[in-house]
Amino acid sequence: MIKQFEINNYVRKQLQDYLTEKELTLEQAMAQETNNNEIAAIVHAGLPGMVRKIYPLGKMQTFFWEKRELIQGFIADRLQSVNGEKTKKTK
């Protein structure tokens, strides 16, 4: 299900700002339940309205916590793909 959705640029920036502010890596943040819930809230806010209605925030936070290794990999891949695209464009 999660692979169907891309993380838009606004959410990417919010995630990067959050991690910078907390001085955490994505892996460290996903390993702590409080930070994990905050990351879920950031991602949830960036989803289309219909998806947010189907998957309320509480459900998404539970999913993020229970599947944190999977989600961490998904988010890391999306963040790296953007950084890779920026590198290619500057060459």
N, C-alpha and C. Protein backbone atom coordinates (compact mmCIF):
# COMPACT_ATOMS: atom_id res chain seq x y z
N MET A 1 0.81 -1.19 0.00
CA MET A 1 0.00 0.00 0.00
C MET A 1 0.86 1.26 0.00
N ILE A 2 1.85 1.30 0.85
CA ILE A 2 2.67 2.51 1.01
C ILE A 2 3.45 2.85 -0.25
N LYS A 3 3.78 1.86 -1.07
CA LYS A 3 4.56 2.11 -2.28
C LYS A 3 3.75 2.86 -3.33
N GLN A 4 2.43 2.90 -3.17
CA GLN A 4 1.58 3.62 -4.12
C GLN A 4 1.76 5.13 -4.01
N PHE A 5 2.24 5.59 -2.88
CA PHE A 5 2.29 7.02 -2.61
C PHE A 5 3.72 7.54 -2.65
N GLU A 6 3.85 8.68 -3.26
CA GLU A 6 5.14 9.38 -3.26
C GLU A 6 5.11 10.42 -2.16
N ILE A 7 6.27 10.78 -1.70
CA ILE A 7 6.38 11.85 -0.72
C ILE A 7 6.66 13.13 -1.50
N ASN A 8 5.75 14.10 -1.39
CA ASN A 8 5.93 15.32 -2.17
C ASN A 8 7.06 16.18 -1.59
N ASN A 9 7.47 17.16 -2.36
CA ASN A 9 8.61 18.00 -1.97
C ASN A 9 8.39 18.73 -0.65
N TYR A 10 7.17 19.18 -0.42
CA TYR A 10 6.87 19.88 0.83
C TYR A 10 7.08 18.96 2.04
N VAL A 11 6.59 17.73 1.94
CA VAL A 11 6.74 16.76 3.03
C VAL A 11 8.21 16.39 3.19
N ARG A 12 8.92 16.23 2.08
CA ARG A 12 10.36 15.94 2.16
C ARG A 12 11.09 17.02 2.95
N LYS A 13 10.77 18.27 2.63
CA LYS A 13 11.42 19.39 3.33
C LYS A 13 11.04 19.38 4.81
N GLN A 14 9.78 19.14 5.11
CA GLN A 14 9.36 19.08 6.51
C GLN A 14 10.09 17.96 7.25
N LEU A 15 10.23 16.81 6.63
CA LEU A 15 10.95 15.70 7.26
C LEU A 15 12.41 16.05 7.50
N GLN A 16 13.04 16.63 6.49
CA GLN A 16 14.44 17.00 6.63
C GLN A 16 14.62 18.08 7.70
N ASP A 17 13.73 19.06 7.73
CA ASP A 17 13.78 20.10 8.76
C ASP A 17 13.57 19.51 10.16
N TYR A 18 12.63 18.58 10.26
CA TYR A 18 12.35 17.93 11.55
C TYR A 18 13.59 17.18 12.05
N LEU A 19 14.20 16.40 11.17
CA LEU A 19 15.37 15.62 11.56
C LEU A 19 16.54 16.54 11.93
N THR A 20 16.71 17.62 11.19
CA THR A 20 17.78 18.57 11.48
C THR A 20 17.54 19.24 12.83
N GLU A 21 16.31 19.66 13.07
CA GLU A 21 15.97 20.32 14.33
C GLU A 21 16.19 19.39 15.53
N LYS A 22 15.82 18.14 15.38
CA LYS A 22 15.97 17.16 16.47
C LYS A 22 17.38 16.57 16.54
N GLU A 23 18.19 16.89 15.53
CA GLU A 23 19.56 16.35 15.42
C GLU A 23 19.56 14.83 15.46
N LEU A 24 18.67 14.26 14.62
CA LEU A 24 18.53 12.81 14.53
C LEU A 24 18.67 12.36 13.09
N THR A 25 19.08 11.12 12.92
CA THR A 25 18.98 10.51 11.61
C THR A 25 17.57 9.94 11.50
N LEU A 26 17.17 9.59 10.30
CA LEU A 26 15.86 8.99 10.12
C LEU A 26 15.76 7.69 10.92
N GLU A 27 16.81 6.90 10.89
CA GLU A 27 16.82 5.63 11.62
C GLU A 27 16.64 5.85 13.13
N GLN A 28 17.33 6.83 13.68
CA GLN A 28 17.20 7.12 15.11
C GLN A 28 15.79 7.60 15.45
N ALA A 29 15.24 8.46 14.61
CA ALA A 29 13.91 8.99 14.85
C ALA A 29 12.85 7.89 14.77
N MET A 30 12.98 7.00 13.81
CA MET A 30 12.00 5.93 13.65
C MET A 30 12.07 4.92 14.79
N ALA A 31 13.19 4.84 15.49
CA ALA A 31 13.37 3.88 16.58
C ALA A 31 12.76 4.37 17.89
N GLN A 32 12.39 5.64 17.96
CA GLN A 32 11.79 6.20 19.17
C GLN A 32 10.31 6.47 18.88
N GLU A 33 9.45 5.92 19.71
CA GLU A 33 8.02 5.97 19.42
C GLU A 33 7.48 7.40 19.28
N THR A 34 7.90 8.31 20.12
CA THR A 34 7.41 9.69 20.05
C THR A 34 7.80 10.33 18.72
N ASN A 35 9.07 10.20 18.36
CA ASN A 35 9.53 10.77 17.08
C ASN A 35 8.88 10.06 15.90
N ASN A 36 8.71 8.76 16.02
CA ASN A 36 8.07 7.97 14.98
C ASN A 36 6.65 8.50 14.73
N ASN A 37 5.92 8.78 15.81
CA ASN A 37 4.57 9.32 15.68
C ASN A 37 4.57 10.69 15.01
N GLU A 38 5.57 11.50 15.32
CA GLU A 38 5.66 12.83 14.70
C GLU A 38 5.97 12.72 13.21
N ILE A 39 6.82 11.77 12.84
CA ILE A 39 7.11 11.55 11.42
C ILE A 39 5.86 11.06 10.71
N ALA A 40 5.12 10.16 11.34
CA ALA A 40 3.86 9.69 10.76
C ALA A 40 2.90 10.85 10.54
N ALA A 41 2.85 11.78 11.49
CA ALA A 41 1.96 12.94 11.36
C ALA A 41 2.38 13.84 10.19
N ILE A 42 3.68 14.01 10.00
CA ILE A 42 4.18 14.82 8.88
C ILE A 42 3.79 14.17 7.55
N VAL A 43 4.03 12.87 7.44
CA VAL A 43 3.71 12.15 6.20
C VAL A 43 2.19 12.14 5.99
N HIS A 44 1.43 11.89 7.04
CA HIS A 44 -0.03 11.84 6.96
C HIS A 44 -0.60 13.16 6.45
N ALA A 45 -0.06 14.27 6.94
CA ALA A 45 -0.55 15.59 6.53
C ALA A 45 -0.33 15.84 5.04
N GLY A 46 0.65 15.17 4.44
CA GLY A 46 0.94 15.37 3.03
C GLY A 46 0.18 14.44 2.10
N LEU A 47 -0.61 13.53 2.65
CA LEU A 47 -1.38 12.61 1.82
C LEU A 47 -2.63 13.29 1.27
N PRO A 48 -3.15 12.79 0.15
CA PRO A 48 -4.40 13.34 -0.37
C PRO A 48 -5.53 13.20 0.66
N GLY A 49 -6.48 14.11 0.61
CA GLY A 49 -7.57 14.15 1.58
C GLY A 49 -8.33 12.84 1.71
N MET A 50 -8.62 12.19 0.60
CA MET A 50 -9.37 10.94 0.65
C MET A 50 -8.58 9.86 1.38
N VAL A 51 -7.29 9.82 1.16
CA VAL A 51 -6.44 8.83 1.83
C VAL A 51 -6.40 9.11 3.32
N ARG A 52 -6.34 10.38 3.70
CA ARG A 52 -6.33 10.74 5.13
C ARG A 52 -7.62 10.31 5.81
N LYS A 53 -8.74 10.34 5.07
CA LYS A 53 -10.01 9.90 5.65
C LYS A 53 -10.03 8.38 5.83
N ILE A 54 -9.47 7.67 4.87
CA ILE A 54 -9.45 6.20 4.94
C ILE A 54 -8.48 5.73 6.00
N TYR A 55 -7.33 6.40 6.09
CA TYR A 55 -6.29 6.04 7.06
C TYR A 55 -6.09 7.20 8.03
N PRO A 56 -6.88 7.24 9.11
CA PRO A 56 -6.73 8.32 10.08
C PRO A 56 -5.33 8.32 10.71
N LEU A 57 -4.98 9.44 11.29
CA LEU A 57 -3.64 9.62 11.85
C LEU A 57 -3.28 8.53 12.85
N GLY A 58 -4.18 8.21 13.76
CA GLY A 58 -3.89 7.18 14.76
C GLY A 58 -3.55 5.84 14.14
N LYS A 59 -4.29 5.48 13.11
CA LYS A 59 -4.03 4.22 12.41
C LYS A 59 -2.67 4.26 11.72
N MET A 60 -2.35 5.41 11.12
CA MET A 60 -1.07 5.54 10.44
C MET A 60 0.08 5.51 11.45
N GLN A 61 -0.09 6.15 12.60
CA GLN A 61 0.96 6.13 13.61
C GLN A 61 1.22 4.71 14.11
N THR A 62 0.16 3.95 14.31
CA THR A 62 0.31 2.54 14.71
C THR A 62 1.04 1.76 13.64
N PHE A 63 0.66 1.98 12.38
CA PHE A 63 1.30 1.30 11.26
C PHE A 63 2.78 1.66 11.18
N PHE A 64 3.09 2.94 11.32
CA PHE A 64 4.49 3.38 11.28
C PHE A 64 5.30 2.75 12.40
N TRP A 65 4.72 2.62 13.58
CA TRP A 65 5.46 2.05 14.71
C TRP A 65 5.65 0.55 14.52
N GLU A 66 4.60 -0.15 14.13
CA GLU A 66 4.69 -1.60 13.98
C GLU A 66 5.58 -2.01 12.81
N LYS A 67 5.62 -1.22 11.77
CA LYS A 67 6.39 -1.53 10.56
C LYS A 67 7.53 -0.54 10.37
N ARG A 68 8.13 -0.09 11.47
CA ARG A 68 9.12 1.00 11.40
C ARG A 68 10.30 0.69 10.50
N GLU A 69 10.77 -0.55 10.46
CA GLU A 69 11.92 -0.86 9.59
C GLU A 69 11.53 -0.70 8.12
N LEU A 70 10.36 -1.20 7.76
CA LEU A 70 9.87 -1.08 6.39
C LEU A 70 9.66 0.39 6.01
N ILE A 71 9.00 1.12 6.87
CA ILE A 71 8.69 2.53 6.61
C ILE A 71 9.96 3.36 6.55
N GLN A 72 10.89 3.07 7.45
CA GLN A 72 12.16 3.81 7.46
C GLN A 72 12.88 3.62 6.13
N GLY A 73 12.88 2.40 5.62
CA GLY A 73 13.50 2.14 4.32
C GLY A 73 12.79 2.88 3.20
N PHE A 74 11.46 2.88 3.23
CA PHE A 74 10.67 3.56 2.22
C PHE A 74 10.97 5.06 2.21
N ILE A 75 10.95 5.68 3.39
CA ILE A 75 11.19 7.12 3.48
C ILE A 75 12.63 7.44 3.07
N ALA A 76 13.57 6.65 3.54
CA ALA A 76 14.98 6.88 3.19
C ALA A 76 15.18 6.80 1.68
N ASP A 77 14.57 5.82 1.04
CA ASP A 77 14.67 5.69 -0.42
C ASP A 77 14.12 6.92 -1.12
N ARG A 78 12.97 7.43 -0.64
CA ARG A 78 12.35 8.60 -1.27
C ARG A 78 13.22 9.85 -1.06
N LEU A 79 13.78 9.99 0.13
CA LEU A 79 14.64 11.15 0.38
C LEU A 79 15.92 11.08 -0.44
N GLN A 80 16.50 9.89 -0.57
CA GLN A 80 17.72 9.73 -1.35
C GLN A 80 17.45 9.90 -2.84
N SER A 81 16.29 9.46 -3.31
CA SER A 81 16.00 9.60 -4.74
C SER A 81 15.93 11.07 -5.13
N VAL A 82 15.44 11.91 -4.26
CA VAL A 82 15.40 13.34 -4.53
C VAL A 82 16.80 13.91 -4.54
N ASN A 83 17.62 13.53 -3.57
CA ASN A 83 19.00 14.01 -3.53
C ASN A 83 19.76 13.54 -4.76
N GLY A 84 19.51 12.33 -5.21
CA GLY A 84 20.16 11.81 -6.41
C GLY A 84 19.74 12.57 -7.65
N GLU A 85 18.45 12.92 -7.73
CA GLU A 85 17.96 13.68 -8.87
C GLU A 85 18.59 15.07 -8.90
N LYS A 86 18.75 15.69 -7.74
CA LYS A 86 19.36 17.02 -7.68
C LYS A 86 20.81 16.95 -8.14
N THR A 87 21.51 15.91 -7.76
CA THR A 87 22.91 15.74 -8.16
C THR A 87 23.00 15.58 -9.67
N LYS A 88 22.12 14.79 -10.26
CA LYS A 88 22.12 14.58 -11.71
C LYS A 88 21.83 15.89 -12.45
N LYS A 89 20.90 16.68 -11.93
CA LYS A 89 20.53 17.93 -12.60
C LYS A 89 21.65 18.95 -12.56
N THR A 90 22.46 18.94 -11.53
CA THR A 90 23.53 19.93 -11.42
C THR A 90 24.74 19.58 -12.27
N LYS A 91 24.83 18.35 -12.75
CA LYS A 91 25.98 17.95 -13.58
C LYS A 91 25.85 18.44 -14.99
